[in-house]
Amino acid sequence: LGPAMQRVAAAAMAAMAAMVALAGEGEAFQGVHHARGRVMKPVKSVSLAQPCKIRTRSSLRPQLAVTMSSLFSKYSPQVGHQGENWYGKDPNELPPVLREVMEQSGMLKDGRWLTEEEMAVEYKKSNPDWEPAAWPLGSPDVGRMSAADFLANPEVGGEPDLWPLGVPRVLCIGEMLVDCIAESAEVKMGDPADKWTKFAGGAPANVACALAKLGTPAGFIGTLGDDEDGETLRRTLEECKLPLCLIQTAKGKPTRKVFVTRNEQGDRKFEGFELGAVDNYADCYLKESDLDGTWFYASEYMVTGTLSLAYEETRKTLMTLKGFCEMLNIVRFVDVNWRPMFWKQNEETAKQIILDYIQGAQIVKMTEEEASWLLGVSREKVRNKPSLILKLLPSCVCVLVTAGEEGASYAFHKHGGRLPAFEVPVVDTTGAGDAFSAGFLHKLLELTDAWQEEFVDMNMDRPLPRPHFIPSVRIAKACEDKNLAADAVLYGAAVGAMTCMEEGAIKAQPSGRLANKFFEVYSEAIEIEEEERDFQLPDFGSGLKWTYSP
């Protein structure tokens, strides 16, 4: 066996080992993970529901399915997959050693390539407890079509292009409400209605709208009331080009109003609710039974806060989706966003609920005060060593710690740092943290996309597409470059700063063009202080997802 063939055989054996060791039981038969969206194959059942009535169509980038067989396919960056085996379509033409490897991996039997159904049968023989599971959340079986393509294709259920940004890559789930902002620092709770200005708000909705304005396809899932305020919020989502079919309506329940006062510096304080009671609003009733799993198959990130955990119905839904994300390898971004006024439970009970929920999240954002309250890490420690939080949350690939006008700290597995805030004229800080989250995610998607789409040297006679990594590991790998990682955090800080320059959380959010210009002009003046570490965190998983298409 010549050196070239030895390299090919070694690559095949490594791929097989990675598939068996890393993909997890039965996962090799769950379908191909695409650059955008997933082929909709069964996973463990979570619940069943009626599919969304409205579908959206969008123009998508060409999708590249990186499969096991692509290691041995003719491939060029110009023409993409040719679907032809490198040594001919007849597997008997493979060198004996390589053919033996393919037979051991379950791809070949009796001199022919097996279909995916046949491979599942072979896998079942050695793993008798494995069963294809039911479709989750009412997702229809569309074969090898990706969920994103399904939602965009009118021939299989799509509708006219009501949402030009495309099928969502990020789903933001939780509350949307009305922020009643005091007109001046002199206005107090109980003052007449004309002293307050209404703005659309709610952290998950703020993030979804900011992402859409920046150009990242996003969706908001939440419950609104069947009242005038609810209709106003629906129009806001529509103006931001977010799909309304994801919104639930709670009949007879009002849309929440939150009264917010502010001081001379623009810093806000949440004072209370219009009706007093905290648990009688529409956002307390997000129903798991009304969700459509198709959207989750098409997405890569799920963004939530913790306010919705205060209410039994919505907490049940979020905990279900937490498990769903783990099974589909969707990145969970959790903003702690501790607001005691939203909770009927005592503080210790609320803390335990939040701690249970953030376990398993890949990205966690919190303030310095929240880190101290929730994790027992002092403000000084978390400011200088944000990686301490990564040690406490082993599933977390990135932590973001904000401190308002004092800047932000961040940590990835290989490095971390601290940056000062952009100096801007502050009018209203409501929603600044949510804009920070959106800016960070927008830039993170850009850099991880670029990293995943690179061609790399795999000891073949030509560069091959990088093996497809699940999104959380993609973040860890791409952000090993400290400059790229810092840029993502810095871009988030820039978007957050711009939002402080006008009133209203959503109204003040910048477009992608303005944010890019602001970042280009002012980011050079920001000096980032690198975190000093006296310990080294282990690598964040390998996360290869090998699949085969004979």
Protein backbone atom coordinates (compact mmCIF):
# COMPACT_ATOMS: atom_id res chain seq x y z
CA LEU A 1 0.00 0.00 0.00
CA GLY A 2 1.55 3.27 -1.15
CA PRO A 3 1.88 6.40 1.04
CA ALA A 4 -1.08 8.12 -0.64
CA MET A 5 -3.35 5.14 -0.04
CA GLN A 6 -2.12 4.85 3.52
CA ARG A 7 -3.20 8.43 4.13
CA VAL A 8 -6.62 7.73 2.59
CA ALA A 9 -7.08 4.60 4.70
CA ALA A 10 -5.96 6.44 7.83
CA ALA A 11 -8.42 9.25 7.13
CA ALA A 12 -11.21 6.73 6.63
CA MET A 13 -10.39 4.95 9.88
CA ALA A 14 -10.18 8.27 11.74
CA ALA A 15 -13.54 9.29 10.31
CA MET A 16 -15.09 6.01 11.34
CA ALA A 17 -13.67 6.31 14.84
CA ALA A 18 -14.88 9.89 15.12
CA MET A 19 -18.33 8.84 13.96
CA VAL A 20 -18.61 6.00 16.46
CA ALA A 21 -17.01 7.80 19.41
CA LEU A 22 -18.45 11.26 18.95
CA ALA A 23 -21.73 11.09 17.10
CA GLY A 24 -23.52 9.23 19.86
CA GLU A 25 -25.78 6.22 19.75
CA GLY A 26 -27.90 6.17 16.63
CA GLU A 27 -26.89 9.67 15.62
CA ALA A 28 -25.20 8.52 12.44
CA PHE A 29 -28.67 7.78 11.14
CA GLN A 30 -30.34 11.03 12.12
CA GLY A 31 -29.66 12.72 8.77
CA VAL A 32 -27.26 15.25 7.30
CA HIS A 33 -26.51 18.51 9.12
CA HIS A 34 -26.28 21.31 6.58
CA ALA A 35 -24.51 24.65 6.67
CA ARG A 36 -28.01 26.08 7.27
CA GLY A 37 -30.81 23.97 8.71
CA ARG A 38 -31.01 20.23 9.27
CA VAL A 39 -32.35 17.36 7.29
CA MET A 40 -35.47 16.51 9.19
CA LYS A 41 -34.92 13.02 10.59
CA PRO A 42 -36.55 11.65 13.75
CA VAL A 43 -35.09 12.38 17.15
CA LYS A 44 -36.45 11.48 20.57
CA SER A 45 -40.03 12.64 20.98
CA VAL A 46 -40.59 15.80 22.97
CA SER A 47 -44.23 16.52 22.18
CA LEU A 48 -46.57 16.69 19.23
CA ALA A 49 -48.40 19.73 17.94
CA GLN A 50 -50.16 21.14 14.92
CA PRO A 51 -47.74 22.53 12.32
CA CYS A 52 -47.66 26.26 11.76
CA LYS A 53 -50.35 27.29 9.24
CA ILE A 54 -48.23 29.96 7.59
CA ARG A 55 -44.97 29.09 5.89
CA THR A 56 -42.46 31.59 4.62
CA ARG A 57 -40.29 31.49 1.56
CA SER A 58 -36.85 32.96 1.34
CA SER A 59 -33.88 33.01 -0.94
CA LEU A 60 -31.22 30.88 0.75
CA ARG A 61 -27.54 30.57 0.18
CA PRO A 62 -26.52 27.34 -1.56
CA GLN A 63 -26.28 24.63 1.06
CA LEU A 64 -23.33 22.28 1.31
CA ALA A 65 -24.02 18.89 2.84
CA VAL A 66 -20.71 17.59 4.17
CA THR A 67 -21.06 13.82 4.40
CA MET A 68 -18.89 10.83 5.18
CA SER A 69 -18.63 9.95 1.51
CA SER A 70 -17.43 13.46 0.67
CA LEU A 71 -14.04 12.42 2.06
CA PHE A 72 -13.74 10.15 -0.96
CA SER A 73 -15.55 12.29 -3.56
CA LYS A 74 -14.37 14.50 -6.37
CA TYR A 75 -14.73 18.01 -5.03
CA SER A 76 -13.63 21.46 -6.08
CA PRO A 77 -14.52 24.85 -4.63
CA GLN A 78 -15.81 25.95 -8.02
CA VAL A 79 -18.24 23.17 -8.87
CA GLY A 80 -19.07 21.60 -5.48
CA HIS A 81 -20.13 17.98 -5.06
CA GLN A 82 -19.99 15.75 -8.09
CA GLY A 83 -21.35 12.74 -6.18
CA GLU A 84 -18.87 10.34 -7.77
CA ASN A 85 -16.65 8.05 -5.74
CA TRP A 86 -12.99 8.97 -5.99
CA TYR A 87 -11.99 5.47 -7.17
CA GLY A 88 -15.06 4.82 -9.33
CA LYS A 89 -18.66 4.08 -8.48
CA ASP A 90 -17.95 0.37 -8.06
CA PRO A 91 -16.77 -0.17 -4.45
CA ASN A 92 -14.94 -3.31 -5.57
CA GLU A 93 -12.44 -1.00 -7.25
CA LEU A 94 -11.34 0.29 -3.85
CA PRO A 95 -8.01 -0.97 -2.53
CA PRO A 96 -8.56 -3.97 -0.22
CA VAL A 97 -7.52 -2.15 2.96
CA LEU A 98 -9.81 0.79 2.28
CA ARG A 99 -12.70 -1.51 1.32
CA GLU A 100 -12.25 -3.42 4.59
CA VAL A 101 -12.44 -0.14 6.51
CA MET A 102 -15.64 0.81 4.71
CA GLU A 103 -17.16 -2.61 5.44
CA GLN A 104 -16.25 -2.34 9.12
CA SER A 105 -17.83 1.11 9.25
CA GLY A 106 -21.11 -0.27 7.93
CA MET A 107 -21.00 1.55 4.61
CA LEU A 108 -20.30 -1.50 2.43
CA LYS A 109 -21.67 -5.02 2.43
CA ASP A 110 -21.35 -7.81 -0.12
CA GLY A 111 -19.45 -5.54 -2.48
CA ARG A 112 -21.98 -2.68 -2.67
CA TRP A 113 -22.74 0.60 -0.94
CA LEU A 114 -25.56 0.32 1.61
CA THR A 115 -28.47 2.74 1.67
CA GLU A 116 -29.13 4.72 4.84
CA GLU A 117 -32.07 2.41 5.61
CA GLU A 118 -29.82 -0.64 5.26
CA MET A 119 -27.15 0.98 7.43
CA ALA A 120 -29.81 1.54 10.08
CA VAL A 121 -30.67 -2.17 9.94
CA GLU A 122 -27.00 -3.11 10.33
CA TYR A 123 -26.61 -0.69 13.21
CA LYS A 124 -29.68 -2.20 14.86
CA LYS A 125 -28.05 -5.65 14.83
CA SER A 126 -25.18 -4.45 17.02
CA ASN A 127 -27.33 -1.98 18.99
CA PRO A 128 -30.67 -3.75 19.55
CA ASP A 129 -32.06 -1.06 21.85
CA TRP A 130 -31.81 1.66 19.23
CA GLU A 131 -35.10 2.82 17.68
CA PRO A 132 -35.90 5.69 15.29
CA ALA A 133 -37.96 8.04 17.44
CA ALA A 134 -41.11 10.04 16.80
CA TRP A 135 -41.20 13.43 15.13
CA PRO A 136 -40.94 16.21 17.71
CA LEU A 137 -43.28 19.19 17.95
CA GLY A 138 -45.34 18.24 14.90
CA SER A 139 -42.50 18.48 12.38
CA PRO A 140 -43.51 16.86 9.06
CA ASP A 141 -41.36 14.19 7.44
CA VAL A 142 -39.83 15.80 4.36
CA GLY A 143 -37.15 13.21 3.69
CA ARG A 144 -33.72 14.61 2.91
CA MET A 145 -34.88 18.18 2.38
CA SER A 146 -33.51 20.53 5.00
CA ALA A 147 -35.97 22.27 7.29
CA ALA A 148 -34.89 25.67 5.97
CA ASP A 149 -35.60 24.57 2.39
CA PHE A 150 -38.93 23.12 3.45
CA LEU A 151 -40.08 26.38 5.01
CA ALA A 152 -38.93 28.28 1.93
CA ASN A 153 -40.48 25.98 -0.71
CA PRO A 154 -44.09 26.77 -1.73
CA GLU A 155 -44.43 23.35 -3.35
CA VAL A 156 -44.32 21.62 0.04
CA GLY A 157 -46.13 24.13 2.22
CA GLY A 158 -44.30 27.45 1.89
CA GLU A 159 -46.17 30.70 1.41
CA PRO A 160 -45.28 33.89 -0.53
CA ASP A 161 -42.21 35.65 0.73
CA LEU A 162 -43.67 37.61 3.63
CA TRP A 163 -40.32 37.65 5.38
CA PRO A 164 -37.44 38.72 3.15
CA LEU A 165 -34.68 37.97 5.66
CA GLY A 166 -35.12 34.21 5.29
CA VAL A 167 -35.83 31.25 7.52
CA PRO A 168 -34.60 31.95 11.08
CA ARG A 169 -31.18 30.91 12.21
CA VAL A 170 -31.87 32.36 15.67
CA LEU A 171 -35.11 31.86 17.62
CA CYS A 172 -35.75 34.23 20.53
CA ILE A 173 -38.31 32.93 23.01
CA GLY A 174 -40.04 34.58 25.94
CA GLU A 175 -41.75 37.84 26.80
CA MET A 176 -42.75 40.81 24.68
CA LEU A 177 -44.32 43.69 26.52
CA VAL A 178 -44.90 47.44 26.57
CA ASP A 179 -42.26 49.58 28.28
CA CYS A 180 -43.86 52.75 29.65
CA ILE A 181 -40.85 55.06 29.93
CA ALA A 182 -40.95 58.12 32.18
CA GLU A 183 -40.57 61.31 30.15
CA SER A 184 -38.10 62.79 32.62
CA ALA A 185 -36.21 61.98 35.80
CA GLU A 186 -38.92 63.78 37.82
CA VAL A 187 -41.70 61.36 36.82
CA LYS A 188 -42.58 58.76 39.45
CA MET A 189 -44.84 55.72 39.65
CA GLY A 190 -48.47 56.83 39.90
CA ASP A 191 -48.06 59.95 37.77
CA PRO A 192 -50.63 60.54 34.98
CA ALA A 193 -50.49 58.54 31.73
CA ASP A 194 -49.32 61.56 29.71
CA LYS A 195 -46.06 61.50 31.68
CA TRP A 196 -45.14 58.10 30.19
CA THR A 197 -44.24 57.10 26.62
CA LYS A 198 -45.02 53.63 25.35
CA PHE A 199 -42.33 51.59 23.61
CA ALA A 200 -42.22 47.97 22.50
CA GLY A 201 -39.91 45.90 24.70
CA GLY A 202 -39.18 42.57 26.36
CA ALA A 203 -35.67 41.12 26.24
CA PRO A 204 -36.17 38.18 23.80
CA ALA A 205 -38.22 40.36 21.44
CA ASN A 206 -35.58 43.08 21.65
CA VAL A 207 -32.88 40.62 20.61
CA ALA A 208 -34.95 39.25 17.72
CA CYS A 209 -35.70 42.72 16.36
CA ALA A 210 -32.09 43.86 16.71
CA LEU A 211 -30.83 40.76 14.89
CA ALA A 212 -33.28 41.37 12.06
CA LYS A 213 -32.19 44.99 11.73
CA LEU A 214 -28.56 43.88 11.58
CA GLY A 215 -29.41 41.38 8.84
CA THR A 216 -29.45 38.03 10.67
CA PRO A 217 -32.59 35.94 10.00
CA ALA A 218 -34.35 35.65 13.36
CA GLY A 219 -37.75 34.82 14.79
CA PHE A 220 -39.59 35.65 18.00
CA ILE A 221 -41.78 33.09 19.79
CA GLY A 222 -43.99 34.44 22.55
CA THR A 223 -47.56 35.09 23.65
CA LEU A 224 -49.39 38.40 23.30
CA GLY A 225 -52.81 39.51 24.50
CA ASP A 226 -55.83 39.98 22.25
CA ASP A 227 -55.91 43.70 23.05
CA GLU A 228 -54.79 46.97 21.50
CA ASP A 229 -51.31 46.74 22.99
CA GLY A 230 -50.92 43.23 21.62
CA GLU A 231 -51.83 44.44 18.12
CA THR A 232 -49.32 47.27 18.42
CA LEU A 233 -46.56 44.81 19.32
CA ARG A 234 -47.50 42.58 16.39
CA ARG A 235 -47.11 45.54 14.06
CA THR A 236 -43.69 46.22 15.57
CA LEU A 237 -42.57 42.65 14.80
CA GLU A 238 -43.96 42.95 11.28
CA GLU A 239 -42.08 46.20 10.72
CA CYS A 240 -38.88 44.41 11.78
CA LYS A 241 -39.67 41.70 9.19
CA LEU A 242 -40.22 38.95 11.75
CA PRO A 243 -42.80 36.21 11.05
CA LEU A 244 -46.08 36.63 12.91
CA CYS A 245 -46.98 32.94 12.59
CA LEU A 246 -44.70 32.19 15.56
CA ILE A 247 -46.79 34.38 17.89
CA GLN A 248 -49.38 32.82 20.21
CA THR A 249 -52.42 34.70 21.52
CA ALA A 250 -53.76 34.35 25.07
CA LYS A 251 -57.49 34.98 24.86
CA GLY A 252 -58.76 37.28 27.59
CA LYS A 253 -55.28 38.01 28.96
CA PRO A 254 -53.78 41.51 28.76
CA THR A 255 -50.42 42.36 27.24
CA ARG A 256 -48.02 43.30 30.03
CA LYS A 257 -47.11 46.94 30.68
CA VAL A 258 -43.97 47.73 32.67
CA PHE A 259 -43.36 51.20 34.09
CA VAL A 260 -39.76 52.35 33.89
CA THR A 261 -38.28 55.43 35.53
CA ARG A 262 -34.85 56.82 34.74
CA ASN A 263 -32.33 59.15 36.35
CA GLU A 264 -30.45 62.09 34.88
CA GLN A 265 -27.84 59.77 33.38
CA GLY A 266 -30.47 57.74 31.50
CA ASP A 267 -30.14 54.64 33.71
CA ARG A 268 -33.51 52.96 34.16
CA LYS A 269 -35.35 51.37 37.05
CA PHE A 270 -38.29 48.97 36.71
CA GLU A 271 -41.03 50.22 39.00
CA GLY A 272 -44.02 47.90 38.55
CA PHE A 273 -46.90 46.69 36.38
CA GLU A 274 -50.12 48.37 35.35
CA LEU A 275 -52.40 45.75 36.99
CA GLY A 276 -50.20 45.00 39.97
CA ALA A 277 -50.38 41.17 39.74
CA VAL A 278 -47.33 39.60 38.12
CA ASP A 279 -48.84 36.37 36.75
CA ASN A 280 -52.03 37.42 34.98
CA TYR A 281 -50.50 38.58 31.70
CA ALA A 282 -50.41 36.97 28.26
CA ASP A 283 -46.66 36.27 28.36
CA CYS A 284 -47.24 33.83 31.24
CA TYR A 285 -49.00 31.38 28.91
CA LEU A 286 -46.63 30.22 26.17
CA LYS A 287 -47.99 26.77 25.27
CA GLU A 288 -45.76 23.90 24.29
CA SER A 289 -48.70 22.31 22.44
CA ASP A 290 -48.88 25.24 19.99
CA LEU A 291 -45.22 25.13 18.94
CA ASP A 292 -44.10 23.91 15.52
CA GLY A 293 -40.84 21.96 15.61
CA THR A 294 -40.08 22.72 11.96
CA TRP A 295 -38.70 26.11 12.96
CA PHE A 296 -36.32 24.54 15.44
CA TYR A 297 -34.95 22.13 12.85
CA ALA A 298 -34.12 25.13 10.68
CA SER A 299 -32.48 27.16 13.46
CA GLU A 300 -29.03 27.06 15.03
CA TYR A 301 -29.44 29.25 18.12
CA MET A 302 -32.15 29.68 20.75
CA VAL A 303 -32.11 32.87 22.85
CA THR A 304 -34.03 33.20 26.11
CA GLY A 305 -33.96 35.17 29.31
CA THR A 306 -35.14 33.85 32.67
CA LEU A 307 -38.22 36.01 33.37
CA SER A 308 -40.51 33.45 31.73
CA LEU A 309 -39.32 30.82 34.19
CA ALA A 310 -41.34 32.61 36.86
CA TYR A 311 -44.62 31.30 35.38
CA GLU A 312 -45.57 27.62 35.38
CA GLU A 313 -46.94 27.28 31.83
CA THR A 314 -44.06 29.10 30.15
CA ARG A 315 -41.45 27.48 32.42
CA LYS A 316 -42.70 24.04 31.36
CA THR A 317 -42.37 25.05 27.70
CA LEU A 318 -38.84 26.43 28.14
CA MET A 319 -37.67 23.32 29.97
CA THR A 320 -39.06 21.17 27.14
CA LEU A 321 -37.23 23.28 24.58
CA LYS A 322 -34.06 23.03 26.65
CA GLY A 323 -34.09 19.27 26.12
CA PHE A 324 -35.02 19.74 22.48
CA CYS A 325 -31.97 21.96 21.92
CA GLU A 326 -29.70 19.37 23.51
CA MET A 327 -30.97 16.69 21.13
CA LEU A 328 -30.69 18.88 18.03
CA ASN A 329 -27.38 20.52 19.03
CA ILE A 330 -28.95 23.98 18.94
CA VAL A 331 -26.87 26.57 20.79
CA ARG A 332 -28.71 27.95 23.83
CA PHE A 333 -27.95 31.58 24.65
CA VAL A 334 -29.30 32.48 28.11
CA ASP A 335 -29.37 36.01 29.50
CA VAL A 336 -29.83 35.76 33.29
CA ASN A 337 -31.66 39.13 33.36
CA TRP A 338 -32.68 38.82 37.03
CA ARG A 339 -35.76 40.97 37.74
CA PRO A 340 -37.24 40.07 41.16
CA MET A 341 -40.42 42.08 40.46
CA PHE A 342 -41.48 39.44 37.90
CA TRP A 343 -41.35 36.58 40.42
CA LYS A 344 -43.94 35.44 42.96
CA GLN A 345 -41.51 32.81 44.28
CA ASN A 346 -39.03 33.75 46.97
CA GLU A 347 -35.50 34.61 45.93
CA GLU A 348 -33.93 31.27 46.84
CA THR A 349 -36.53 29.33 44.88
CA ALA A 350 -36.09 31.62 41.90
CA LYS A 351 -32.31 31.20 42.07
CA GLN A 352 -32.59 27.41 41.99
CA ILE A 353 -34.98 27.49 39.02
CA ILE A 354 -32.58 29.74 37.10
CA LEU A 355 -29.55 27.60 38.00
CA ASP A 356 -31.34 24.47 36.77
CA TYR A 357 -32.23 26.19 33.52
CA ILE A 358 -28.80 27.59 32.63
CA GLN A 359 -27.15 24.18 33.06
CA GLY A 360 -26.23 22.97 29.58
CA ALA A 361 -26.38 26.43 27.99
CA GLN A 362 -23.51 27.13 25.59
CA ILE A 363 -23.50 30.94 25.92
CA VAL A 364 -24.45 32.71 29.15
CA LYS A 365 -24.73 36.46 29.62
CA MET A 366 -25.09 38.17 32.96
CA THR A 367 -24.18 41.34 34.79
CA GLU A 368 -21.49 41.45 37.46
CA GLU A 369 -24.21 41.73 40.11
CA GLU A 370 -26.00 38.68 38.71
CA ALA A 371 -22.78 36.64 38.72
CA SER A 372 -22.31 37.45 42.37
CA TRP A 373 -25.96 36.70 43.25
CA LEU A 374 -26.36 33.52 41.21
CA LEU A 375 -22.90 31.91 41.28
CA GLY A 376 -21.26 33.43 44.32
CA VAL A 377 -18.40 34.96 42.33
CA SER A 378 -17.49 38.44 43.55
CA ARG A 379 -17.75 41.38 41.19
CA GLU A 380 -14.00 41.97 41.34
CA LYS A 381 -13.21 38.35 40.50
CA VAL A 382 -15.68 38.07 37.65
CA ARG A 383 -14.47 41.38 36.21
CA ASN A 384 -10.84 40.25 36.12
CA LYS A 385 -11.32 36.50 35.61
CA PRO A 386 -14.60 35.83 33.79
CA SER A 387 -13.30 32.35 32.96
CA LEU A 388 -14.16 31.36 36.55
CA ILE A 389 -17.75 31.12 35.33
CA LEU A 390 -16.71 28.69 32.61
CA LYS A 391 -15.28 26.45 35.32
CA LEU A 392 -18.68 26.49 37.06
CA LEU A 393 -20.65 25.89 33.85
CA PRO A 394 -18.79 23.12 31.97
CA SER A 395 -21.19 23.09 28.99
CA CYS A 396 -20.64 26.79 28.40
CA VAL A 397 -18.38 27.76 25.51
CA CYS A 398 -18.60 31.51 26.10
CA VAL A 399 -19.59 33.78 28.97
CA LEU A 400 -20.37 37.49 28.67
CA VAL A 401 -20.39 39.72 31.76
CA THR A 402 -21.67 43.27 31.32
CA ALA A 403 -21.18 46.24 33.64
CA GLY A 404 -23.00 49.10 31.90
CA GLU A 405 -20.87 52.21 31.54
CA GLU A 406 -17.87 50.30 32.95
CA GLY A 407 -17.72 47.99 29.94
CA ALA A 408 -17.83 44.20 29.70
CA SER A 409 -15.76 41.08 30.32
CA TYR A 410 -15.84 37.88 28.32
CA ALA A 411 -14.29 34.44 28.34
CA PHE A 412 -13.88 31.62 25.83
CA HIS A 413 -12.12 28.35 26.59
CA LYS A 414 -8.73 29.50 25.33
CA HIS A 415 -8.75 33.16 26.32
CA GLY A 416 -10.78 36.08 27.64
CA GLY A 417 -10.61 39.80 28.14
CA ARG A 418 -12.19 43.03 29.25
CA LEU A 419 -13.15 46.10 27.23
CA PRO A 420 -14.35 49.56 28.23
CA ALA A 421 -17.70 50.92 27.09
CA PHE A 422 -17.99 53.14 24.02
CA GLU A 423 -18.38 56.77 25.05
CA VAL A 424 -21.69 57.99 23.63
CA PRO A 425 -24.33 60.54 24.72
CA VAL A 426 -26.75 58.41 26.76
CA VAL A 427 -30.48 59.11 26.49
CA ASP A 428 -32.02 55.81 27.59
CA THR A 429 -30.28 52.53 28.50
CA THR A 430 -33.41 50.37 28.17
CA GLY A 431 -32.63 47.41 25.92
CA ALA A 432 -28.90 48.16 25.65
CA GLY A 433 -27.96 44.74 27.01
CA ASP A 434 -30.30 43.04 24.53
CA ALA A 435 -28.76 45.01 21.66
CA PHE A 436 -25.33 43.90 22.93
CA SER A 437 -26.51 40.27 22.76
CA ALA A 438 -27.83 40.72 19.22
CA GLY A 439 -24.67 42.42 17.98
CA PHE A 440 -22.50 39.69 19.48
CA LEU A 441 -24.59 36.89 17.93
CA HIS A 442 -24.69 38.61 14.54
CA LYS A 443 -20.91 38.90 14.39
CA LEU A 444 -20.42 35.42 15.89
CA LEU A 445 -22.50 33.88 13.10
CA GLU A 446 -20.44 35.73 10.52
CA LEU A 447 -17.10 34.48 11.80
CA THR A 448 -18.22 30.90 12.52
CA ASP A 449 -19.77 30.65 9.04
CA ALA A 450 -16.50 31.77 7.49
CA TRP A 451 -14.54 29.28 9.60
CA GLN A 452 -16.84 26.34 8.81
CA GLU A 453 -16.79 27.02 5.07
CA GLU A 454 -12.99 26.96 4.82
CA PHE A 455 -11.25 24.27 2.81
CA VAL A 456 -8.56 22.50 4.81
CA ASP A 457 -5.65 20.15 4.24
CA MET A 458 -6.63 16.60 5.22
CA ASN A 459 -3.51 14.94 3.83
CA MET A 460 -5.24 14.28 0.51
CA ASP A 461 -4.07 15.50 -2.88
CA ARG A 462 -6.47 18.45 -2.71
CA PRO A 463 -8.05 20.63 0.01
CA LEU A 464 -11.40 19.34 1.25
CA PRO A 465 -14.30 21.09 2.99
CA ARG A 466 -13.82 21.24 6.72
CA PRO A 467 -15.68 18.40 8.49
CA HIS A 468 -19.01 19.73 9.68
CA PHE A 469 -19.00 20.66 13.36
CA ILE A 470 -22.03 21.23 15.53
CA PRO A 471 -22.57 24.97 16.20
CA SER A 472 -21.28 25.04 19.79
CA VAL A 473 -17.97 23.43 18.85
CA ARG A 474 -17.80 25.64 15.78
CA ILE A 475 -17.88 28.62 18.16
CA ALA A 476 -15.13 27.17 20.34
CA LYS A 477 -12.89 26.34 17.38
CA ALA A 478 -13.42 29.59 15.45
CA CYS A 479 -12.98 31.71 18.59
CA GLU A 480 -9.62 30.20 19.42
CA ASP A 481 -8.46 33.20 17.39
CA LYS A 482 -8.50 35.83 20.13
CA ASN A 483 -8.78 38.73 17.69
CA LEU A 484 -11.88 37.34 15.99
CA ALA A 485 -13.49 36.55 19.33
CA ALA A 486 -12.75 40.05 20.63
CA ASP A 487 -14.26 41.56 17.49
CA ALA A 488 -17.54 39.73 18.13
CA VAL A 489 -17.74 41.06 21.70
CA LEU A 490 -16.67 44.53 20.61
CA TYR A 491 -19.31 44.59 17.88
CA GLY A 492 -21.94 43.68 20.46
CA ALA A 493 -20.76 46.54 22.66
CA ALA A 494 -20.99 48.92 19.71
CA VAL A 495 -24.59 47.95 18.94
CA GLY A 496 -25.48 48.26 22.62
CA ALA A 497 -23.91 51.71 22.84
CA MET A 498 -25.79 52.96 19.77
CA THR A 499 -29.09 51.83 21.30
CA CYS A 500 -28.45 54.10 24.32
CA MET A 501 -28.47 57.19 22.10
CA GLU A 502 -32.27 57.19 21.58
CA GLU A 503 -35.39 56.30 23.54
CA GLY A 504 -37.00 52.88 23.36
CA ALA A 505 -35.40 49.43 23.31
CA ILE A 506 -36.46 48.46 19.77
CA LYS A 507 -36.96 51.87 18.24
CA ALA A 508 -33.36 52.89 19.02
CA GLN A 509 -31.71 49.81 17.51
CA PRO A 510 -29.36 50.53 14.59
CA SER A 511 -29.44 49.03 11.13
CA GLY A 512 -26.62 46.79 10.03
CA ARG A 513 -25.18 49.54 7.82
CA LEU A 514 -25.07 52.08 10.66
CA ALA A 515 -23.69 49.56 13.14
CA ASN A 516 -20.94 48.53 10.73
CA LYS A 517 -19.97 52.15 10.15
CA PHE A 518 -19.96 52.95 13.87
CA PHE A 519 -17.85 49.86 14.54
CA GLU A 520 -15.44 50.71 11.74
CA VAL A 521 -14.91 54.29 12.92
CA TYR A 522 -14.84 53.93 16.71
CA SER A 523 -13.67 50.41 17.55
CA GLU A 524 -10.00 51.18 16.86
CA ALA A 525 -9.93 53.44 19.90
CA ILE A 526 -11.06 50.64 22.23
CA GLU A 527 -8.25 48.84 24.03
CA ILE A 528 -8.98 45.30 25.17
CA GLU A 529 -7.23 44.02 28.27
CA GLU A 530 -6.49 40.31 27.93
CA GLU A 531 -7.42 38.07 30.85
CA GLU A 532 -4.53 36.49 32.74
CA ARG A 533 -5.16 32.85 33.61
CA ASP A 534 -3.41 30.59 36.09
CA PHE A 535 -5.27 27.51 34.86
CA GLN A 536 -6.16 25.91 31.53
CA LEU A 537 -9.63 24.72 30.63
CA PRO A 538 -9.98 21.46 28.68
CA ASP A 539 -10.86 21.59 25.01
CA PHE A 540 -14.55 22.10 24.42
CA GLY A 541 -15.64 18.73 22.91
CA SER A 542 -14.89 17.56 19.41
CA GLY A 543 -18.44 17.62 18.12
CA LEU A 544 -17.95 16.16 14.65
CA LYS A 545 -21.20 15.06 13.06
CA TRP A 546 -20.38 12.46 10.42
CA THR A 547 -23.12 11.14 8.16
CA TYR A 548 -22.96 9.09 5.01
CA SER A 549 -24.63 9.33 1.62
CA PRO A 550 -23.54 6.34 -0.51
